[in-house]
Protein backbone atom coordinates (compact mmCIF):
# COMPACT_ATOMS: atom_id res chain seq x y z
CA MET A 1 -9.03 -41.44 259.77
CA ARG A 2 -12.16 -43.12 261.10
CA ALA A 3 -15.42 -41.37 260.26
CA GLY A 4 -16.23 -40.39 263.83
CA ASP A 5 -12.87 -38.72 264.37
CA TRP A 6 -13.07 -37.10 260.92
CA LEU A 7 -16.50 -35.61 261.68
CA ARG A 8 -15.40 -34.34 265.08
CA ALA A 9 -12.45 -32.64 263.38
CA ALA A 10 -14.85 -31.02 260.90
CA GLU A 11 -17.09 -29.83 263.72
CA ARG A 12 -14.10 -28.35 265.52
CA ASP A 13 -11.95 -26.95 262.71
CA LEU A 14 -14.02 -25.94 259.71
CA PRO A 15 -14.71 -22.20 259.26
CA LEU A 16 -17.87 -20.95 261.01
CA LEU A 17 -19.82 -18.64 258.70
CA ASP A 18 -22.91 -16.54 259.34
CA ASP A 19 -23.51 -15.38 255.76
CA PRO A 20 -25.37 -18.01 253.72
CA SER A 21 -23.92 -16.65 250.47
CA LEU A 22 -20.44 -17.54 251.72
CA VAL A 23 -21.64 -21.14 252.09
CA VAL A 24 -23.28 -21.60 248.69
CA GLY A 25 -21.83 -18.78 246.58
CA ASP A 26 -23.87 -17.04 243.91
CA GLY A 27 -26.63 -18.43 241.73
CA PRO A 28 -29.49 -20.90 242.20
CA VAL A 29 -29.30 -23.53 244.93
CA LEU A 30 -30.76 -27.04 244.71
CA VAL A 31 -31.27 -29.18 247.80
CA LEU A 32 -31.79 -32.92 247.33
CA ALA A 33 -33.52 -34.53 250.32
CA PRO A 34 -33.80 -38.33 250.38
CA HIS A 35 -37.00 -38.23 252.43
CA PRO A 36 -39.52 -35.62 253.47
CA ASP A 37 -37.85 -34.13 256.59
CA ASP A 38 -34.16 -34.43 255.62
CA GLU A 39 -34.24 -30.92 254.15
CA SER A 40 -35.26 -29.54 257.54
CA LEU A 41 -33.03 -31.76 259.67
CA GLY A 42 -29.86 -31.33 257.65
CA CYS A 43 -29.97 -27.79 256.33
CA GLY A 44 -33.11 -26.09 257.59
CA ALA A 45 -31.23 -23.14 259.09
CA LEU A 46 -29.31 -22.50 255.88
CA LEU A 47 -32.53 -22.72 253.86
CA ALA A 48 -34.23 -20.21 256.16
CA ALA A 49 -31.30 -17.82 255.83
CA LEU A 50 -31.25 -18.16 252.04
CA ALA A 51 -35.00 -17.57 251.84
CA ALA A 52 -34.69 -14.45 253.99
CA ALA A 53 -31.96 -13.19 251.67
CA GLY A 54 -34.22 -13.63 248.66
CA ARG A 55 -32.07 -16.33 247.08
CA THR A 56 -33.39 -18.77 244.47
CA VAL A 57 -33.69 -22.13 246.21
CA ARG A 58 -35.31 -25.36 245.05
CA VAL A 59 -35.92 -28.38 247.31
CA ALA A 60 -36.32 -31.75 245.56
CA VAL A 61 -37.58 -34.59 247.75
CA VAL A 62 -36.28 -37.80 246.23
CA SER A 63 -38.38 -40.57 247.81
CA ASP A 64 -42.10 -40.73 248.56
CA GLY A 65 -41.53 -41.32 252.30
CA GLY A 66 -44.19 -44.01 252.31
CA MET A 67 -42.30 -46.66 254.31
CA SER A 68 -41.87 -44.94 257.66
CA HIS A 69 -44.89 -46.80 259.08
CA PRO A 70 -45.25 -49.93 256.96
CA HIS A 71 -47.73 -51.70 259.27
CA SER A 72 -50.22 -48.88 259.69
CA ARG A 73 -53.71 -49.70 258.44
CA ALA A 74 -54.91 -46.15 258.93
CA TYR A 75 -52.07 -44.84 256.75
CA PRO A 76 -51.31 -47.27 253.93
CA ARG A 77 -48.44 -46.29 251.71
CA ALA A 78 -50.29 -43.98 249.32
CA ARG A 79 -52.02 -42.09 252.13
CA LEU A 80 -48.81 -41.82 254.12
CA ALA A 81 -46.92 -40.50 251.09
CA ALA A 82 -49.63 -37.88 250.54
CA LEU A 83 -49.46 -36.89 254.22
CA ARG A 84 -45.71 -36.51 254.06
CA GLN A 85 -45.99 -34.25 251.04
CA GLU A 86 -48.36 -32.01 252.98
CA GLU A 87 -45.98 -32.00 255.92
CA THR A 88 -43.10 -31.00 253.66
CA ARG A 89 -45.11 -28.12 252.23
CA ALA A 90 -45.72 -26.89 255.77
CA ALA A 91 -42.05 -27.35 256.64
CA VAL A 92 -40.62 -25.40 253.72
CA ALA A 93 -43.19 -22.65 254.30
CA ALA A 94 -41.92 -22.41 257.88
CA LEU A 95 -38.44 -21.88 256.42
CA GLY A 96 -39.70 -18.99 254.29
CA LEU A 97 -39.85 -20.81 250.96
CA ASP A 98 -42.89 -20.98 248.67
CA PRO A 99 -44.10 -24.61 248.49
CA ALA A 100 -45.82 -24.04 245.14
CA ARG A 101 -42.68 -22.64 243.54
CA ASP A 102 -39.71 -24.03 245.45
CA LEU A 103 -40.64 -27.67 246.09
CA LEU A 104 -40.46 -30.73 243.84
CA PHE A 105 -41.36 -34.35 244.65
CA LEU A 106 -39.56 -36.99 242.58
CA GLY A 107 -41.58 -39.85 244.09
CA LEU A 108 -38.98 -42.64 244.06
CA PRO A 109 -39.72 -45.57 246.39
CA ASP A 110 -38.84 -45.01 250.03
CA ALA A 111 -36.23 -47.53 251.26
CA ALA A 112 -35.46 -48.48 247.65
CA VAL A 113 -34.17 -45.34 245.92
CA PRO A 114 -32.07 -46.67 243.02
CA GLU A 115 -28.46 -45.72 242.33
CA GLY A 116 -28.90 -46.28 238.59
CA GLY A 117 -31.28 -47.64 236.01
CA PRO A 118 -34.40 -46.24 234.34
CA ALA A 119 -36.01 -44.69 237.43
CA PHE A 120 -32.73 -43.03 238.41
CA GLU A 121 -32.29 -41.65 234.90
CA ALA A 122 -35.88 -40.39 234.83
CA ALA A 123 -35.34 -38.53 238.11
CA LEU A 124 -32.11 -37.06 236.76
CA ALA A 125 -33.89 -35.94 233.59
CA ARG A 126 -36.59 -34.27 235.67
CA LEU A 127 -33.99 -32.33 237.65
CA ARG A 128 -32.32 -31.24 234.42
CA GLU A 129 -35.57 -29.64 233.26
CA ASP A 130 -35.11 -26.84 235.79
CA PRO A 131 -32.51 -24.07 235.49
CA ALA A 132 -29.05 -25.43 236.26
CA PRO A 133 -28.08 -24.91 239.91
CA ALA A 134 -24.83 -23.22 240.84
CA THR A 135 -24.69 -25.23 244.09
CA ILE A 136 -26.18 -28.63 244.90
CA LEU A 137 -26.69 -29.79 248.48
CA ALA A 138 -27.25 -33.49 249.13
CA THR A 139 -26.95 -35.94 251.97
CA TRP A 140 -23.45 -37.20 252.75
CA ARG A 141 -22.14 -40.18 250.80
CA HIS A 142 -21.32 -41.89 254.13
CA ASP A 143 -24.77 -41.48 255.70
CA PRO A 144 -25.73 -45.02 256.79
CA HIS A 145 -29.00 -45.23 254.84
CA ARG A 146 -29.30 -46.55 251.30
CA ASP A 147 -31.63 -43.74 250.21
CA HIS A 148 -29.17 -41.12 251.45
CA VAL A 149 -26.33 -42.73 249.50
CA ALA A 150 -28.50 -42.97 246.38
CA THR A 151 -29.39 -39.29 246.74
CA TRP A 152 -25.70 -38.43 246.81
CA ARG A 153 -25.22 -40.47 243.64
CA LEU A 154 -28.05 -38.54 242.01
CA ALA A 155 -26.40 -35.27 243.01
CA GLU A 156 -23.05 -36.43 241.60
CA ALA A 157 -24.68 -37.36 238.30
CA LEU A 158 -26.44 -34.02 238.13
CA ARG A 159 -23.24 -32.09 238.86
CA ARG A 160 -21.41 -33.87 236.04
CA GLY A 161 -23.83 -32.23 233.61
CA VAL A 162 -23.51 -28.72 235.10
CA PRO A 163 -20.03 -27.31 234.49
CA GLY A 164 -18.77 -25.33 237.44
CA ALA A 165 -21.50 -26.46 239.86
CA ARG A 166 -20.45 -27.07 243.47
CA LEU A 167 -21.62 -30.07 245.47
CA LEU A 168 -21.84 -29.90 249.25
CA ALA A 169 -22.88 -32.71 251.55
CA TYR A 170 -24.95 -32.33 254.69
CA PRO A 171 -24.72 -35.32 257.06
CA VAL A 172 -27.89 -36.48 258.81
CA TRP A 173 -27.59 -40.04 260.13
CA GLY A 174 -23.87 -40.06 259.45
CA LEU A 175 -23.44 -37.80 262.48
CA ALA A 176 -24.11 -40.89 264.60
CA HIS A 177 -20.58 -42.06 263.79
CA ALA A 178 -19.32 -39.15 265.92
CA HIS A 179 -22.30 -38.86 268.29
CA PRO A 180 -24.00 -42.24 268.86
CA VAL A 181 -27.80 -42.26 268.67
CA PRO A 182 -29.18 -44.89 271.09
CA GLY A 183 -30.96 -47.66 269.24
CA PHE A 184 -29.74 -46.56 265.81
CA PRO A 185 -27.70 -49.35 264.17
CA LEU A 186 -24.49 -48.30 262.46
CA PRO A 187 -22.35 -50.19 259.95
CA PRO A 188 -18.59 -50.30 260.55
CA GLU A 189 -17.04 -46.84 260.50
CA PRO A 190 -15.61 -45.97 257.10
CA GLU A 191 -12.03 -44.79 256.88
CA LEU A 192 -11.81 -41.31 255.33
CA GLU A 193 -8.75 -39.81 253.71
CA GLY A 194 -7.39 -36.33 254.22
CA PRO A 195 -8.58 -33.56 256.50
CA PRO A 196 -12.23 -32.52 256.22
CA ARG A 197 -13.07 -29.68 253.86
CA GLY A 198 -16.15 -27.50 253.95
CA VAL A 199 -17.77 -25.04 256.32
CA ARG A 200 -20.02 -24.76 259.33
CA PHE A 201 -23.02 -22.45 259.09
CA GLN A 202 -24.04 -20.51 262.17
CA ALA A 203 -27.59 -21.75 262.67
CA GLY A 204 -28.43 -19.84 265.85
CA PRO A 205 -30.48 -16.97 264.35
CA TRP A 206 -32.44 -19.47 262.25
CA LEU A 207 -33.03 -22.24 264.77
CA ALA A 208 -36.59 -21.13 265.55
CA ALA A 209 -37.52 -21.49 261.88
CA LYS A 210 -35.71 -24.83 261.71
CA ARG A 211 -37.53 -26.12 264.78
CA ALA A 212 -40.85 -25.06 263.25
CA ALA A 213 -39.98 -26.85 260.02
CA VAL A 214 -39.05 -30.08 261.80
CA ALA A 215 -42.26 -29.84 263.84
CA GLY A 216 -44.14 -29.68 260.55
CA HIS A 217 -43.09 -33.30 259.95
CA ALA A 218 -45.41 -34.45 262.72
CA SER A 219 -45.77 -38.01 261.44
CA GLN A 220 -42.05 -38.52 262.02
CA LEU A 221 -42.29 -37.28 265.59
CA GLY A 222 -44.82 -39.89 266.72
CA ARG A 223 -47.71 -37.40 266.78
CA VAL A 224 -49.98 -38.71 264.03
CA ILE A 225 -49.82 -42.45 263.36
CA THR A 226 -50.78 -44.51 266.39
CA ASP A 227 -51.47 -47.96 264.93
CA ASP A 228 -47.88 -48.95 264.09
CA PRO A 229 -45.88 -49.10 267.34
CA GLY A 230 -42.77 -50.18 265.44
CA GLY A 231 -43.00 -47.31 262.99
CA PHE A 232 -40.30 -44.70 262.68
CA ALA A 233 -40.00 -41.80 265.10
CA LEU A 234 -37.08 -39.38 265.20
CA PRO A 235 -34.98 -40.14 268.30
CA GLU A 236 -34.39 -37.33 270.73
CA ALA A 237 -30.64 -37.72 270.28
CA ALA A 238 -31.00 -37.16 266.52
CA LEU A 239 -33.16 -34.09 267.12
CA SER A 240 -30.55 -32.71 269.51
CA LEU A 241 -27.93 -33.04 266.78
CA ALA A 242 -30.22 -31.29 264.29
CA PHE A 243 -30.73 -28.35 266.64
CA ARG A 244 -27.08 -27.64 267.40
CA PRO A 245 -25.80 -24.06 266.92
CA PHE A 246 -24.28 -24.91 263.54
CA GLU A 247 -24.96 -26.98 260.44
CA LEU A 248 -22.20 -28.86 258.69
CA PHE A 249 -21.54 -28.72 254.94
CA LEU A 250 -18.80 -30.95 253.59
CA GLU A 251 -16.96 -30.59 250.32
CA GLU A 252 -15.61 -33.76 248.76
CA PRO A 253 -13.71 -34.37 245.55
CA PRO A 254 -15.72 -35.89 242.67
């Protein structure tokens, strides 16, 4: 089945749950976000619900986010990366998490997160220093962005070392296969086997917190950096997908 049809089937048929514990089960939860903002866009409502329930949640931001505005003189890479860390702290606080306790920055290079090698292994070793998660959330393996795919690979490698851990995928840019985002280039649709497995989480009660978290990433909304007209800004169509009444969590075989 082509990816767009497969995603639309998931959005239509997967169980709709309003209890976050039914999504992630018991035990600690680790969210891997390729860039500062993916945690809010892809699973901000679930994170807010877990925080409100007093669950142990850790957000690990994989890349430094320093390439969203590569031609800005006011925000060269190091300054932009520092800004995006501050924005992420504000975002996770809006979701009810404690930035000092619940947030980790791995600092891999934006637009060049590796899928193996020394830097990949160092990031994996850093994640293994924390208590083993019972559930890992990561961007979907079919998201059309190399950093999102590399983040999924990192999650797979981490799961292999944690017996019994679950791995759920949250699509971000992959949703464009089912709901085109004007101006966003897509590779050919992958063909996916079998019916989709996973759940939908009822985001409605937590959308206000999610919107506040996304707003915290102001540099990605075109509100901060004005000297790089070609720099990244989240398209309205992508924001509309992020603010739907449900979030999608996909379960795939190893």
